[in-house]
């Protein structure tokens, strides 16, 4: 599946984001992007924040979130 395809079916996983990896706490097939709500299949999960425990669908979205929080004084 590529990024432009809609993810259909499956269960949402609960994960613990660590510095270089993540640990699945509750099994599932995907997590949701903290900004867009887009489902991200676990095998395609590459971007997250350890501090905020949030997943991001792309590096651009991760940067967008970082800049938003800086503007709000959250970082």
Protein backbone atom coordinates (compact mmCIF):
# COMPACT_ATOMS: atom_id res chain seq x y z
CA UNK A 1 0.00 0.00 0.00
CA UNK A 2 1.35 3.44 -0.76
CA UNK A 3 0.68 6.68 1.10
CA UNK A 4 -2.01 7.79 -1.31
CA UNK A 5 -4.17 4.73 -0.80
CA UNK A 6 -6.90 4.68 1.79
CA UNK A 7 -6.29 2.24 4.62
CA UNK A 8 -9.37 0.10 5.09
CA UNK A 9 -10.05 -2.32 7.91
CA UNK A 10 -7.88 -3.52 10.72
CA UNK A 11 -7.58 -2.51 14.33
CA UNK A 12 -5.91 0.55 15.76
CA UNK A 13 -2.77 -0.35 17.71
CA UNK A 14 -1.50 1.30 20.85
CA UNK A 15 2.23 1.92 20.75
CA UNK A 16 4.95 3.33 22.99
CA UNK A 17 7.24 5.58 20.96
CA UNK A 18 10.91 5.33 21.87
CA UNK A 19 14.03 7.06 20.50
CA UNK A 20 14.82 4.71 17.62
CA UNK A 21 11.91 2.30 17.67
CA UNK A 22 8.41 1.76 18.98
CA UNK A 23 6.88 -0.97 21.10
CA UNK A 24 3.41 -2.32 20.43
CA UNK A 25 1.44 -2.19 23.69
CA UNK A 26 -1.90 -3.29 22.21
CA UNK A 27 -1.73 -5.22 18.94
CA UNK A 28 -3.28 -3.72 15.86
CA UNK A 29 -2.65 -2.85 12.25
CA UNK A 30 -2.24 0.93 12.33
CA UNK A 31 -1.92 4.11 14.40
CA UNK A 32 -3.43 7.50 13.61
CA UNK A 33 -1.51 10.59 12.61
CA UNK A 34 -1.82 13.11 15.46
CA UNK A 35 -2.32 15.98 13.00
CA UNK A 36 -4.45 14.59 10.18
CA UNK A 37 -6.11 11.57 11.78
CA UNK A 38 -4.93 9.51 8.79
CA UNK A 39 -4.34 5.84 9.60
CA UNK A 40 -0.68 4.81 9.29
CA UNK A 41 -0.03 1.07 8.86
CA UNK A 42 2.56 -0.03 11.42
CA UNK A 43 4.89 -1.28 8.70
CA UNK A 44 4.92 2.26 7.23
CA UNK A 45 5.30 4.15 10.52
CA UNK A 46 8.50 6.23 10.32
CA UNK A 47 7.81 9.55 12.07
CA UNK A 48 6.83 10.19 15.69
CA UNK A 49 7.54 12.29 18.76
CA UNK A 50 8.88 10.52 21.83
CA UNK A 51 8.10 13.55 24.04
CA UNK A 52 4.48 13.89 22.89
CA UNK A 53 3.92 10.19 22.08
CA UNK A 54 2.38 11.14 18.73
CA UNK A 55 2.67 9.56 15.29
CA UNK A 56 2.94 11.53 12.04
CA UNK A 57 2.13 10.46 8.49
CA UNK A 58 5.09 12.29 6.92
CA UNK A 59 8.14 14.38 7.81
CA UNK A 60 6.33 17.48 6.55
CA UNK A 61 3.46 16.86 8.95
CA UNK A 62 5.90 16.27 11.83
CA UNK A 63 7.57 19.62 11.08
CA UNK A 64 4.17 21.32 10.81
CA UNK A 65 3.26 20.01 14.29
CA UNK A 66 6.62 21.07 15.75
CA UNK A 67 6.24 24.61 14.36
CA UNK A 68 2.64 24.81 15.58
CA UNK A 69 3.67 23.89 19.13
CA UNK A 70 6.58 26.35 19.08
CA UNK A 71 4.18 29.12 18.01
CA UNK A 72 1.83 28.18 20.86
CA UNK A 73 4.74 28.16 23.31
CA UNK A 74 4.50 24.40 23.85
CA UNK A 75 8.15 23.65 23.05
